[in-house]
PDB file of N, CA and C in Angstrom:
ATOM      1  N   UNK A   1     171.932 -28.897  88.922  1.00  0.00           N
ATOM      2  CA  UNK A   1     170.528 -28.691  88.620  1.00  0.00           C
ATOM      3  C   UNK A   1     170.118 -27.232  88.900  1.00  0.00           C
ATOM      4  N   UNK A   2     170.724 -26.635  89.925  1.00  0.00           N
ATOM      5  CA  UNK A   2     170.403 -25.238  90.243  1.00  0.00           C
ATOM      6  C   UNK A   2     170.741 -24.333  89.058  1.00  0.00           C
ATOM      7  N   UNK A   3     171.866 -24.578  88.427  1.00  0.00           N
ATOM      8  CA  UNK A   3     172.256 -23.778  87.254  1.00  0.00           C
ATOM      9  C   UNK A   3     171.215 -23.901  86.148  1.00  0.00           C
ATOM     10  N   UNK A   4     170.728 -25.109  85.922  1.00  0.00           N
ATOM     11  CA  UNK A   4     169.709 -25.338  84.890  1.00  0.00           C
ATOM     12  C   UNK A   4     168.438 -24.565  85.209  1.00  0.00           C
ATOM     13  N   UNK A   5     168.057 -24.532  86.471  1.00  0.00           N
ATOM     14  CA  UNK A   5     166.838 -23.827  86.876  1.00  0.00           C
ATOM     15  C   UNK A   5     167.001 -22.319  86.668  1.00  0.00           C
ATOM     16  N   UNK A   6     168.164 -21.793  87.021  1.00  0.00           N
ATOM     17  CA  UNK A   6     168.426 -20.359  86.820  1.00  0.00           C
ATOM     18  C   UNK A   6     168.404 -20.019  85.330  1.00  0.00           C
ATOM     19  N   UNK A   7     169.062 -20.846  84.523  1.00  0.00           N
ATOM     20  CA  UNK A   7     169.137 -20.580  83.086  1.00  0.00           C
ATOM     21  C   UNK A   7     167.749 -20.672  82.446  1.00  0.00           C
ATOM     22  N   UNK A   8     166.941 -21.667  82.827  1.00  0.00           N
ATOM     23  CA  UNK A   8     165.608 -21.793  82.225  1.00  0.00           C
ATOM     24  C   UNK A   8     164.716 -20.627  82.655  1.00  0.00           C
ATOM     25  N   UNK A   9     164.944 -20.092  83.844  1.00  0.00           N
ATOM     26  CA  UNK A   9     164.169 -18.925  84.275  1.00  0.00           C
ATOM     27  C   UNK A   9     164.546 -17.702  83.431  1.00  0.00           C
ATOM     28  N   UNK A  10     165.813 -17.568  83.098  1.00  0.00           N
ATOM     29  CA  UNK A  10     166.217 -16.491  82.189  1.00  0.00           C
ATOM     30  C   UNK A  10     165.632 -16.711  80.796  1.00  0.00           C
ATOM     31  N   UNK A  11     165.544 -17.973  80.372  1.00  0.00           N
ATOM     32  CA  UNK A  11     164.903 -18.275  79.085  1.00  0.00           C
ATOM     33  C   UNK A  11     163.453 -17.799  79.116  1.00  0.00           C
ATOM     34  N   UNK A  12     162.759 -18.041  80.227  1.00  0.00           N
ATOM     35  CA  UNK A  12     161.377 -17.580  80.375  1.00  0.00           C
ATOM     36  C   UNK A  12     161.295 -16.058  80.247  1.00  0.00           C
ATOM     37  N   UNK A  13     162.213 -15.358  80.882  1.00  0.00           N
ATOM     38  CA  UNK A  13     162.215 -13.890  80.833  1.00  0.00           C
ATOM     39  C   UNK A  13     162.428 -13.406  79.400  1.00  0.00           C
ATOM     40  N   UNK A  14     163.403 -13.985  78.709  1.00  0.00           N
ATOM     41  CA  UNK A  14     163.691 -13.559  77.336  1.00  0.00           C
ATOM     42  C   UNK A  14     162.562 -13.935  76.381  1.00  0.00           C
ATOM     43  N   UNK A  15     162.058 -15.172  76.494  1.00  0.00           N
ATOM     44  CA  UNK A  15     160.916 -15.568  75.659  1.00  0.00           C
ATOM     45  C   UNK A  15     159.740 -14.618  75.889  1.00  0.00           C
ATOM     46  N   UNK A  16     159.452 -14.356  77.148  1.00  0.00           N
ATOM     47  CA  UNK A  16     158.308 -13.498  77.484  1.00  0.00           C
ATOM     48  C   UNK A  16     158.463 -12.111  76.883  1.00  0.00           C
ATOM     49  N   UNK A  17     159.646 -11.536  77.009  1.00  0.00           N
ATOM     50  CA  UNK A  17     159.873 -10.201  76.454  1.00  0.00           C
ATOM     51  C   UNK A  17     159.681 -10.204  74.937  1.00  0.00           C
ATOM     52  N   UNK A  18     160.207 -11.207  74.267  1.00  0.00           N
ATOM     53  CA  UNK A  18     160.075 -11.277  72.814  1.00  0.00           C
ATOM     54  C   UNK A  18     158.648 -11.522  72.357  1.00  0.00           C
ATOM     55  N   UNK A  19     157.993 -12.481  72.989  1.00  0.00           N
ATOM     56  CA  UNK A  19     156.632 -12.835  72.573  1.00  0.00           C
ATOM     57  C   UNK A  19     155.651 -11.718  72.912  1.00  0.00           C
ATOM     58  N   UNK A  20     155.745 -11.151  74.084  1.00  0.00           N
ATOM     59  CA  UNK A  20     154.816 -10.080  74.466  1.00  0.00           C
ATOM     60  C   UNK A  20     154.991  -8.878  73.544  1.00  0.00           C
ATOM     61  N   UNK A  21     156.230  -8.545  73.220  1.00  0.00           N
ATOM     62  CA  UNK A  21     156.474  -7.430  72.294  1.00  0.00           C
ATOM     63  C   UNK A  21     155.863  -7.724  70.932  1.00  0.00           C
ATOM     64  N   UNK A  22     156.087  -8.927  70.413  1.00  0.00           N
ATOM     65  CA  UNK A  22     155.529  -9.291  69.109  1.00  0.00           C
ATOM     66  C   UNK A  22     154.005  -9.331  69.153  1.00  0.00           C
ATOM     67  N   UNK A  23     153.442  -9.862  70.212  1.00  0.00           N
ATOM     68  CA  UNK A  23     151.991  -9.986  70.301  1.00  0.00           C
ATOM     69  C   UNK A  23     151.309  -8.621  70.428  1.00  0.00           C
ATOM     70  N   UNK A  24     151.914  -7.704  71.139  1.00  0.00           N
ATOM     71  CA  UNK A  24     151.319  -6.373  71.306  1.00  0.00           C
ATOM     72  C   UNK A  24     151.351  -5.557  70.024  1.00  0.00           C
ATOM     73  N   UNK A  25     152.469  -5.628  69.312  1.00  0.00           N
ATOM     74  CA  UNK A  25     152.635  -4.792  68.124  1.00  0.00           C
ATOM     75  C   UNK A  25     152.342  -5.529  66.828  1.00  0.00           C
ATOM     76  N   UNK A  26     152.339  -6.870  66.866  1.00  0.00           N
ATOM     77  CA  UNK A  26     152.167  -7.718  65.677  1.00  0.00           C
ATOM     78  C   UNK A  26     153.192  -7.383  64.599  1.00  0.00           C
ATOM     79  N   UNK A  27     154.364  -6.963  65.052  1.00  0.00           N
ATOM     80  CA  UNK A  27     155.465  -6.596  64.155  1.00  0.00           C
ATOM     81  C   UNK A  27     156.730  -7.259  64.693  1.00  0.00           C
ATOM     82  N   UNK A  28     157.561  -7.754  63.785  1.00  0.00           N
ATOM     83  CA  UNK A  28     158.835  -8.332  64.170  1.00  0.00           C
ATOM     84  C   UNK A  28     159.895  -7.234  64.094  1.00  0.00           C
ATOM     85  N   UNK A  29     160.529  -6.998  65.219  1.00  0.00           N
ATOM     86  CA  UNK A  29     161.591  -5.993  65.284  1.00  0.00           C
ATOM     87  C   UNK A  29     162.901  -6.693  65.638  1.00  0.00           C
ATOM     88  N   UNK A  30     163.968  -5.941  65.582  1.00  0.00           N
ATOM     89  CA  UNK A  30     165.264  -6.498  65.987  1.00  0.00           C
ATOM     90  C   UNK A  30     165.228  -6.913  67.456  1.00  0.00           C
ATOM     91  N   UNK A  31     164.491  -6.180  68.257  1.00  0.00           N
ATOM     92  CA  UNK A  31     164.361  -6.511  69.671  1.00  0.00           C
ATOM     93  C   UNK A  31     163.666  -7.861  69.851  1.00  0.00           C
ATOM     94  N   UNK A  32     162.598  -8.096  69.111  1.00  0.00           N
ATOM     95  CA  UNK A  32     161.895  -9.381  69.165  1.00  0.00           C
ATOM     96  C   UNK A  32     162.843 -10.501  68.749  1.00  0.00           C
ATOM     97  N   UNK A  33     163.566 -10.289  67.662  1.00  0.00           N
ATOM     98  CA  UNK A  33     164.522 -11.293  67.194  1.00  0.00           C
ATOM     99  C   UNK A  33     165.581 -11.588  68.256  1.00  0.00           C
ATOM    100  N   UNK A  34     166.093 -10.545  68.886  1.00  0.00           N
ATOM    101  CA  UNK A  34     167.102 -10.705  69.925  1.00  0.00           C
ATOM    102  C   UNK A  34     166.563 -11.537  71.087  1.00  0.00           C
ATOM    103  N   UNK A  35     165.407 -11.141  71.607  1.00  0.00           N
ATOM    104  CA  UNK A  35     164.857 -11.836  72.769  1.00  0.00           C
ATOM    105  C   UNK A  35     164.522 -13.296  72.466  1.00  0.00           C
ATOM    106  N   UNK A  36     163.931 -13.564  71.315  1.00  0.00           N
ATOM    107  CA  UNK A  36     163.599 -14.948  70.970  1.00  0.00           C
ATOM    108  C   UNK A  36     164.851 -15.792  70.749  1.00  0.00           C
ATOM    109  N   UNK A  37     165.840 -15.222  70.087  1.00  0.00           N
ATOM    110  CA  UNK A  37     167.077 -15.964  69.831  1.00  0.00           C
ATOM    111  C   UNK A  37     167.803 -16.287  71.132  1.00  0.00           C
ATOM    112  N   UNK A  38     167.939 -15.311  72.001  1.00  0.00           N
ATOM    113  CA  UNK A  38     168.593 -15.550  73.289  1.00  0.00           C
ATOM    114  C   UNK A  38     167.762 -16.537  74.115  1.00  0.00           C
ATOM    115  N   UNK A  39     166.436 -16.416  74.071  1.00  0.00           N
ATOM    116  CA  UNK A  39     165.575 -17.359  74.778  1.00  0.00           C
ATOM    117  C   UNK A  39     165.805 -18.794  74.325  1.00  0.00           C
ATOM    118  N   UNK A  40     165.900 -19.011  73.019  1.00  0.00           N
ATOM    119  CA  UNK A  40     166.147 -20.358  72.489  1.00  0.00           C
ATOM    120  C   UNK A  40     167.520 -20.861  72.943  1.00  0.00           C
ATOM    121  N   UNK A  41     168.533 -20.011  72.845  1.00  0.00           N
ATOM    122  CA  UNK A  41     169.879 -20.429  73.266  1.00  0.00           C
ATOM    123  C   UNK A  41     169.922 -20.773  74.756  1.00  0.00           C
ATOM    124  N   UNK A  42     169.247 -19.981  75.572  1.00  0.00           N
ATOM    125  CA  UNK A  42     169.184 -20.273  77.007  1.00  0.00           C
ATOM    126  C   UNK A  42     168.394 -21.560  77.268  1.00  0.00           C
ATOM    127  N   UNK A  43     167.334 -21.771  76.512  1.00  0.00           N
ATOM    128  CA  UNK A  43     166.520 -22.976  76.672  1.00  0.00           C
ATOM    129  C   UNK A  43     167.327 -24.221  76.304  1.00  0.00           C
ATOM    130  N   UNK A  44     168.070 -24.160  75.217  1.00  0.00           N
ATOM    131  CA  UNK A  44     168.925 -25.284  74.827  1.00  0.00           C
ATOM    132  C   UNK A  44     169.970 -25.552  75.904  1.00  0.00           C
ATOM    133  N   UNK A  45     170.564 -24.484  76.426  1.00  0.00           N
ATOM    134  CA  UNK A  45     171.560 -24.620  77.483  1.00  0.00           C
ATOM    135  C   UNK A  45     170.962 -25.246  78.727  1.00  0.00           C
ATOM    136  N   UNK A  46     169.795 -24.761  79.155  1.00  0.00           N
ATOM    137  CA  UNK A  46     169.176 -25.304  80.367  1.00  0.00           C
ATOM    138  C   UNK A  46     168.755 -26.754  80.174  1.00  0.00           C
ATOM    139  N   UNK A  47     168.257 -27.098  78.994  1.00  0.00           N
ATOM    140  CA  UNK A  47     167.872 -28.482  78.720  1.00  0.00           C
ATOM    141  C   UNK A  47     169.098 -29.387  78.803  1.00  0.00           C
ATOM    142  N   UNK A  48     170.202 -28.945  78.229  1.00  0.00           N
ATOM    143  CA  UNK A  48     171.444 -29.717  78.282  1.00  0.00           C
ATOM    144  C   UNK A  48     171.908 -29.893  79.729  1.00  0.00           C
ATOM    145  N   UNK A  49     171.866 -28.819  80.503  1.00  0.00           N
ATOM    146  CA  UNK A  49     172.262 -28.893  81.910  1.00  0.00           C
ATOM    147  C   UNK A  49     171.359 -29.832  82.700  1.00  0.00           C
ATOM    148  N   UNK A  50     170.062 -29.807  82.404  1.00  0.00           N
ATOM    149  CA  UNK A  50     169.126 -30.694  83.105  1.00  0.00           C
ATOM    150  C   UNK A  50     169.396 -32.156  82.769  1.00  0.00           C
ATOM    151  N   UNK A  51     169.686 -32.436  81.514  1.00  0.00           N
ATOM    152  CA  UNK A  51     169.987 -33.814  81.102  1.00  0.00           C
ATOM    153  C   UNK A  51     171.264 -34.292  81.787  1.00  0.00           C
ATOM    154  N   UNK A  52     172.280 -33.441  81.815  1.00  0.00           N
ATOM    155  CA  UNK A  52     173.557 -33.815  82.426  1.00  0.00           C
ATOM    156  C   UNK A  52     173.404 -34.054  83.926  1.00  0.00           C
ATOM    157  N   UNK A  53     172.630 -33.215  84.593  1.00  0.00           N
ATOM    158  CA  UNK A  53     172.540 -33.308  86.055  1.00  0.00           C
ATOM    159  C   UNK A  53     171.469 -34.267  86.550  1.00  0.00           C
ATOM    160  N   UNK A  54     170.647 -34.783  85.671  1.00  0.00           N
ATOM    161  CA  UNK A  54     169.574 -35.673  86.089  1.00  0.00           C
ATOM    162  C   UNK A  54     170.047 -37.119  86.115  1.00  0.00           C
ATOM    163  N   UNK A  55     169.587 -37.829  87.129  1.00  0.00           N
ATOM    164  CA  UNK A  55     169.905 -39.256  87.202  1.00  0.00           C
ATOM    165  C   UNK A  55     168.851 -40.092  86.477  1.00  0.00           C
ATOM    166  N   UNK A  56     167.750 -39.457  86.082  1.00  0.00           N
ATOM    167  CA  UNK A  56     166.693 -40.155  85.348  1.00  0.00           C
ATOM    168  C   UNK A  56     167.055 -40.273  83.877  1.00  0.00           C
ATOM    169  N   UNK A  57     166.367 -41.174  83.204  1.00  0.00           N
ATOM    170  CA  UNK A  57     166.532 -41.247  81.758  1.00  0.00           C
ATOM    171  C   UNK A  57     165.922 -39.995  81.140  1.00  0.00           C
ATOM    172  N   UNK A  58     166.441 -39.519  80.012  1.00  0.00           N
ATOM    173  CA  UNK A  58     165.951 -38.262  79.434  1.00  0.00           C
ATOM    174  C   UNK A  58     164.512 -38.336  78.912  1.00  0.00           C
ATOM    175  N   UNK A  59     163.976 -39.531  78.709  1.00  0.00           N
ATOM    176  CA  UNK A  59     162.626 -39.634  78.157  1.00  0.00           C
ATOM    177  C   UNK A  59     161.598 -39.913  79.239  1.00  0.00           C
ATOM    178  N   UNK A  60     161.310 -38.887  80.016  1.00  0.00           N
ATOM    179  CA  UNK A  60     160.227 -38.934  80.984  1.00  0.00           C
ATOM    180  C   UNK A  60     159.058 -38.141  80.407  1.00  0.00           C
ATOM    181  N   UNK A  61     157.930 -38.165  81.081  1.00  0.00           N
ATOM    182  CA  UNK A  61     156.783 -37.379  80.609  1.00  0.00           C
ATOM    183  C   UNK A  61     157.154 -35.899  80.577  1.00  0.00           C
ATOM    184  N   UNK A  62     157.775 -35.422  81.643  1.00  0.00           N
ATOM    185  CA  UNK A  62     158.188 -34.015  81.658  1.00  0.00           C
ATOM    186  C   UNK A  62     159.230 -33.750  80.569  1.00  0.00           C
ATOM    187  N   UNK A  63     160.134 -34.713  80.355  1.00  0.00           N
ATOM    188  CA  UNK A  63     161.137 -34.552  79.306  1.00  0.00           C
ATOM    189  C   UNK A  63     160.506 -34.385  77.938  1.00  0.00           C
ATOM    190  N   UNK A  64     159.523 -35.214  77.626  1.00  0.00           N
ATOM    191  CA  UNK A  64     158.850 -35.126  76.331  1.00  0.00           C
ATOM    192  C   UNK A  64     158.121 -33.793  76.191  1.00  0.00           C
ATOM    193  N   UNK A  65     157.448 -33.358  77.256  1.00  0.00           N
ATOM    194  CA  UNK A  65     156.764 -32.061  77.229  1.00  0.00           C
ATOM    195  C   UNK A  65     157.790 -30.943  77.015  1.00  0.00           C
ATOM    196  N   UNK A  66     158.896 -31.012  77.757  1.00  0.00           N
ATOM    197  CA  UNK A  66     159.935 -29.985  77.640  1.00  0.00           C
ATOM    198  C   UNK A  66     160.602 -29.963  76.277  1.00  0.00           C
ATOM    199  N   UNK A  67     160.922 -31.151  75.748  1.00  0.00           N
ATOM    200  CA  UNK A  67     161.552 -31.210  74.423  1.00  0.00           C
ATOM    201  C   UNK A  67     160.612 -30.678  73.347  1.00  0.00           C
ATOM    202  N   UNK A  68     159.340 -31.037  73.444  1.00  0.00           N
ATOM    203  CA  UNK A  68     158.388 -30.562  72.427  1.00  0.00           C
ATOM    204  C   UNK A  68     158.176 -29.058  72.534  1.00  0.00           C
ATOM    205  N   UNK A  69     158.202 -28.528  73.756  1.00  0.00           N
ATOM    206  CA  UNK A  69     158.067 -27.082  73.941  1.00  0.00           C
ATOM    207  C   UNK A  69     159.292 -26.354  73.397  1.00  0.00           C
ATOM    208  N   UNK A  70     160.477 -26.903  73.651  1.00  0.00           N
ATOM    209  CA  UNK A  70     161.701 -26.323  73.091  1.00  0.00           C
ATOM    210  C   UNK A  70     161.649 -26.358  71.568  1.00  0.00           C
ATOM    211  N   UNK A  71     161.218 -27.467  71.009  1.00  0.00           N
ATOM    212  CA  UNK A  71     161.106 -27.578  69.558  1.00  0.00           C
ATOM    213  C   UNK A  71     160.115 -26.551  69.007  1.00  0.00           C
ATOM    214  N   UNK A  72     158.983 -26.375  69.688  1.00  0.00           N
ATOM    215  CA  UNK A  72     157.978 -25.402  69.240  1.00  0.00           C
ATOM    216  C   UNK A  72     158.557 -23.992  69.222  1.00  0.00           C
ATOM    217  N   UNK A  73     159.324 -23.635  70.258  1.00  0.00           N
ATOM    218  CA  UNK A  73     159.916 -22.297  70.307  1.00  0.00           C
ATOM    219  C   UNK A  73     161.064 -22.158  69.308  1.00  0.00           C
ATOM    220  N   UNK A  74     161.810 -23.225  69.072  1.00  0.00           N
ATOM    221  CA  UNK A  74     162.862 -23.183  68.060  1.00  0.00           C
ATOM    222  C   UNK A  74     162.247 -22.964  66.680  1.00  0.00           C
ATOM    223  N   UNK A  75     161.177 -23.687  66.392  1.00  0.00           N
ATOM    224  CA  UNK A  75     160.480 -23.497  65.115  1.00  0.00           C
ATOM    225  C   UNK A  75     159.941 -22.079  65.010  1.00  0.00           C
ATOM    226  N   UNK A  76     159.377 -21.562  66.095  1.00  0.00           N
ATOM    227  CA  UNK A  76     158.858 -20.196  66.089  1.00  0.00           C
ATOM    228  C   UNK A  76     159.971 -19.195  65.786  1.00  0.00           C
ATOM    229  N   UNK A  77     161.122 -19.351  66.444  1.00  0.00           N
ATOM    230  CA  UNK A  77     162.235 -18.438  66.201  1.00  0.00           C
ATOM    231  C   UNK A  77     162.703 -18.520  64.745  1.00  0.00           C
ATOM    232  N   UNK A  78     162.767 -19.725  64.209  1.00  0.00           N
ATOM    233  CA  UNK A  78     163.173 -19.891  62.802  1.00  0.00           C
ATOM    234  C   UNK A  78     162.162 -19.231  61.877  1.00  0.00           C
ATOM    235  N   UNK A  79     160.879 -19.454  62.124  1.00  0.00           N
ATOM    236  CA  UNK A  79     159.837 -18.853  61.287  1.00  0.00           C
ATOM    237  C   UNK A  79     159.873 -17.324  61.357  1.00  0.00           C
ATOM    238  N   UNK A  80     160.081 -16.802  62.549  1.00  0.00           N
ATOM    239  CA  UNK A  80     160.124 -15.347  62.717  1.00  0.00           C
ATOM    240  C   UNK A  80     161.359 -14.769  62.030  1.00  0.00           C
ATOM    241  N   UNK A  81     162.508 -15.425  62.196  1.00  0.00           N
ATOM    242  CA  UNK A  81     163.709 -14.965  61.487  1.00  0.00           C
ATOM    243  C   UNK A  81     163.485 -15.017  59.985  1.00  0.00           C
ATOM    244  N   UNK A  82     162.931 -16.108  59.479  1.00  0.00           N
ATOM    245  CA  UNK A  82     162.702 -16.249  58.034  1.00  0.00           C
ATOM    246  C   UNK A  82     161.753 -15.163  57.530  1.00  0.00           C
ATOM    247  N   UNK A  83     160.692 -14.918  58.281  1.00  0.00           N
ATOM    248  CA  UNK A  83     159.733 -13.880  57.895  1.00  0.00           C
ATOM    249  C   UNK A  83     160.413 -12.511  57.870  1.00  0.00           C
ATOM    250  N   UNK A  84     161.201 -12.232  58.914  1.00  0.00           N
ATOM    251  CA  UNK A  84     161.864 -10.933  59.004  1.00  0.00           C
ATOM    252  C   UNK A  84     162.874 -10.745  57.875  1.00  0.00           C
ATOM    253  N   UNK A  85     163.641 -11.781  57.567  1.00  0.00           N
ATOM    254  CA  UNK A  85     164.624 -11.681  56.479  1.00  0.00           C
ATOM    255  C   UNK A  85     163.948 -11.447  55.129  1.00  0.00           C
ATOM    256  N   UNK A  86     162.761 -12.009  54.970  1.00  0.00           N
ATOM    257  CA  UNK A  86     162.040 -11.865  53.707  1.00  0.00           C
ATOM    258  C   UNK A  86     161.250 -10.559  53.631  1.00  0.00           C
ATOM    259  N   UNK A  87     160.641 -10.154  54.750  1.00  0.00           N
ATOM    260  CA  UNK A  87     159.697  -9.033  54.735  1.00  0.00           C
ATOM    261  C   UNK A  87     160.110  -7.827  55.568  1.00  0.00           C
ATOM    262  N   UNK A  88     161.155  -7.927  56.331  1.00  0.00           N
ATOM    263  CA  UNK A  88     161.547  -6.818  57.192  1.00  0.00           C
ATOM    264  C   UNK A  88     160.609  -6.673  58.379  1.00  0.00           C
ATOM    265  N   UNK A  89     160.470  -5.475  58.866  1.00  0.00           N
ATOM    266  CA  UNK A  89     159.661  -5.220  60.062  1.00  0.00           C
ATOM    267  C   UNK A  89     158.190  -4.973  59.732  1.00  0.00           C
ATOM    268  N   UNK A  90     157.672  -5.692  58.791  1.00  0.00           N
ATOM    269  CA  UNK A  90     156.254  -5.565  58.462  1.00  0.00           C
ATOM    270  C   UNK A  90     155.398  -6.310  59.469  1.00  0.00           C
ATOM    271  N   UNK A  91     154.130  -6.063  59.380  1.00  0.00           N
ATOM    272  CA  UNK A  91     153.164  -6.752  60.226  1.00  0.00           C
ATOM    273  C   UNK A  91     153.230  -8.252  59.964  1.00  0.00           C
ATOM    274  N   UNK A  92     153.225  -9.055  61.041  1.00  0.00           N
ATOM    275  CA  UNK A  92     153.280 -10.507  60.872  1.00  0.00           C
ATOM    276  C   UNK A  92     151.931 -11.033  60.408  1.00  0.00           C
ATOM    277  N   UNK A  93     151.961 -12.178  59.764  1.00  0.00           N
ATOM    278  CA  UNK A  93     150.718 -12.797  59.323  1.00  0.00           C
ATOM    279  C   UNK A  93     149.936 -13.294  60.536  1.00  0.00           C
ATOM    280  N   UNK A  94     148.659 -13.441  60.366  1.00  0.00           N
ATOM    281  CA  UNK A  94     147.811 -13.941  61.461  1.00  0.00           C
ATOM    282  C   UNK A  94     148.233 -15.339  61.889  1.00  0.00           C
ATOM    283  N   UNK A  95     148.640 -16.157  60.919  1.00  0.00           N
ATOM    284  CA  UNK A  95     149.042 -17.534  61.234  1.00  0.00           C
ATOM    285  C   UNK A  95     150.313 -17.562  62.082  1.00  0.00           C
ATOM    286  N   UNK A  96     151.302 -16.754  61.711  1.00  0.00           N
ATOM    287  CA  UNK A  96     152.540 -16.706  62.486  1.00  0.00           C
ATOM    288  C   UNK A  96     152.278 -16.102  63.862  1.00  0.00           C
ATOM    289  N   UNK A  97     151.464 -15.087  63.912  1.00  0.00           N
ATOM    290  CA  UNK A  97     151.082 -14.449  65.170  1.00  0.00           C
ATOM    291  C   UNK A  97     150.435 -15.474  66.110  1.00  0.00           C
ATOM    292  N   UNK A  98     149.529 -16.284  65.567  1.00  0.00           N
ATOM    293  CA  UNK A  98     148.843 -17.313  66.355  1.00  0.00           C
ATOM    294  C   UNK A  98     149.817 -18.420  66.760  1.00  0.00           C
ATOM    295  N   UNK A  99     150.661 -18.867  65.836  1.00  0.00           N
ATOM    296  CA  UNK A  99     151.621 -19.925  66.169  1.00  0.00           C
ATOM    297  C   UNK A  99     152.531 -19.486  67.311  1.00  0.00           C
ATOM    298  N   UNK A 100     152.990 -18.244  67.277  1.00  0.00           N
ATOM    299  CA  UNK A 100     153.844 -17.733  68.348  1.00  0.00           C
ATOM    300  C   UNK A 100     153.137 -17.837  69.688  1.00  0.00           C
ATOM    301  N   UNK A 101     151.885 -17.464  69.721  1.00  0.00           N
ATOM    302  CA  UNK A 101     151.100 -17.519  70.963  1.00  0.00           C
ATOM    303  C   UNK A 101     150.955 -18.958  71.461  1.00  0.00           C
ATOM    304  N   UNK A 102     150.662 -19.876  70.547  1.00  0.00           N
ATOM    305  CA  UNK A 102     150.479 -21.285  70.933  1.00  0.00           C
ATOM    306  C   UNK A 102     151.800 -21.894  71.403  1.00  0.00           C
ATOM    307  N   UNK A 103     152.879 -21.659  70.665  1.00  0.00           N
ATOM    308  CA  UNK A 103     154.187 -22.215  71.035  1.00  0.00           C
ATOM    309  C   UNK A 103     154.625 -21.689  72.402  1.00  0.00           C
ATOM    310  N   UNK A 104     154.445 -20.402  72.619  1.00  0.00           N
ATOM    311  CA  UNK A 104     154.820 -19.805  73.902  1.00  0.00           C
ATOM    312  C   UNK A 104     153.964 -20.370  75.035  1.00  0.00           C
ATOM    313  N   UNK A 105     152.678 -20.495  74.797  1.00  0.00           N
ATOM    314  CA  UNK A 105     151.788 -21.068  75.811  1.00  0.00           C
ATOM    315  C   UNK A 105     152.205 -22.475  76.186  1.00  0.00           C
ATOM    316  N   UNK A 106     152.539 -23.289  75.190  1.00  0.00           N
ATOM    317  CA  UNK A 106     152.995 -24.654  75.441  1.00  0.00           C
ATOM    318  C   UNK A 106     154.303 -24.636  76.233  1.00  0.00           C
ATOM    319  N   UNK A 107     155.193 -23.713  75.894  1.00  0.00           N
ATOM    320  CA  UNK A 107     156.460 -23.625  76.608  1.00  0.00           C
ATOM    321  C   UNK A 107     156.230 -23.228  78.067  1.00  0.00           C
ATOM    322  N   UNK A 108     155.333 -22.304  78.319  1.00  0.00           N
ATOM    323  CA  UNK A 108     155.037 -21.891  79.698  1.00  0.00           C
ATOM    324  C   UNK A 108     154.438 -23.062  80.486  1.00  0.00           C
ATOM    325  N   UNK A 109     153.588 -23.855  79.852  1.00  0.00           N
ATOM    326  CA  UNK A 109     153.042 -25.049  80.509  1.00  0.00           C
ATOM    327  C   UNK A 109     154.181 -25.994  80.895  1.00  0.00           C
ATOM    328  N   UNK A 110     155.130 -26.198  79.994  1.00  0.00           N
ATOM    329  CA  UNK A 110     156.281 -27.057  80.294  1.00  0.00           C
ATOM    330  C   UNK A 110     157.107 -26.484  81.450  1.00  0.00           C
ATOM    331  N   UNK A 111     157.287 -25.170  81.460  1.00  0.00           N
ATOM    332  CA  UNK A 111     158.036 -24.513  82.531  1.00  0.00           C
ATOM    333  C   UNK A 111     157.334 -24.726  83.875  1.00  0.00           C
ATOM    334  N   UNK A 112     156.033 -24.511  83.911  1.00  0.00           N
ATOM    335  CA  UNK A 112     155.262 -24.680  85.146  1.00  0.00           C
ATOM    336  C   UNK A 112     155.283 -26.136  85.602  1.00  0.00           C
ATOM    337  N   UNK A 113     155.136 -27.063  84.644  1.00  0.00           N
ATOM    338  CA  UNK A 113     155.194 -28.492  84.985  1.00  0.00           C
ATOM    339  C   UNK A 113     156.533 -28.839  85.612  1.00  0.00           C
ATOM    340  N   UNK A 114     157.611 -28.298  85.056  1.00  0.00           N
ATOM    341  CA  UNK A 114     158.937 -28.541  85.612  1.00  0.00           C
ATOM    342  C   UNK A 114     159.063 -27.966  87.014  1.00  0.00           C
ATOM    343  N   UNK A 115     158.497 -26.785  87.235  1.00  0.00           N
ATOM    344  CA  UNK A 115     158.550 -26.175  88.574  1.00  0.00           C
ATOM    345  C   UNK A 115     157.766 -27.015  89.584  1.00  0.00           C
ATOM    346  N   UNK A 116     156.630 -27.531  89.168  1.00  0.00           N
ATOM    347  CA  UNK A 116     155.823 -28.374  90.063  1.00  0.00           C
ATOM    348  C   UNK A 116     156.568 -29.670  90.393  1.00  0.00           C
ATOM    349  N   UNK A 117     157.155 -30.283  89.368  1.00  0.00           N
ATOM    350  CA  UNK A 117     157.900 -31.525  89.575  1.00  0.00           C
ATOM    351  C   UNK A 117     159.103 -31.269  90.489  1.00  0.00           C
ATOM    352  N   UNK A 118     159.808 -30.180  90.280  1.00  0.00           N
ATOM    353  CA  UNK A 118     160.983 -29.866  91.103  1.00  0.00           C
ATOM    354  C   UNK A 118     160.591 -29.649  92.560  1.00  0.00           C
ATOM    355  N   UNK A 119     159.423 -29.093  92.802  1.00  0.00           N
ATOM    356  CA  UNK A 119     158.976 -28.838  94.186  1.00  0.00           C
ATOM    357  C   UNK A 119     158.488 -30.104  94.879  1.00  0.00           C
ATOM    358  N   UNK A 120     158.125 -31.118  94.109  1.00  0.00           N
ATOM    359  CA  UNK A 120     157.629 -32.353  94.731  1.00  0.00           C
ATOM    360  C   UNK A 120     158.747 -33.351  94.997  1.00  0.00           C
ATOM    361  N   UNK A 121     159.943 -33.093  94.471  1.00  0.00           N
ATOM    362  CA  UNK A 121     161.064 -34.025  94.692  1.00  0.00           C
ATOM    363  C   UNK A 121     161.766 -33.769  95.980  1.00  0.00           C
TER     364      UNK A 121
END
């Protein structure tokens, strides 16, 4: 479980770097793509590690929140990659810009919920 916690914290760092960069500049760069992609890969890894190391069933309230947050960030990364492949480093649309903010916010809520749950066990 410790490995999962370390990996998810790195996912937070990478997601944060990618999202903050995109939100400040409203432009998708190779750096944004790198940080979001690595963040998703780390998030998938940490989720897998948490499932393997947990004695609970995978469908808990926190599990559903975490899975939906991972899905939101995976969709965001796919949308950003698709936009970048089609348009290059142009300014992102307002809708994609907003979706990134919402998906990231939901993911941070899931991260905080997991930290609270881990501290109460």
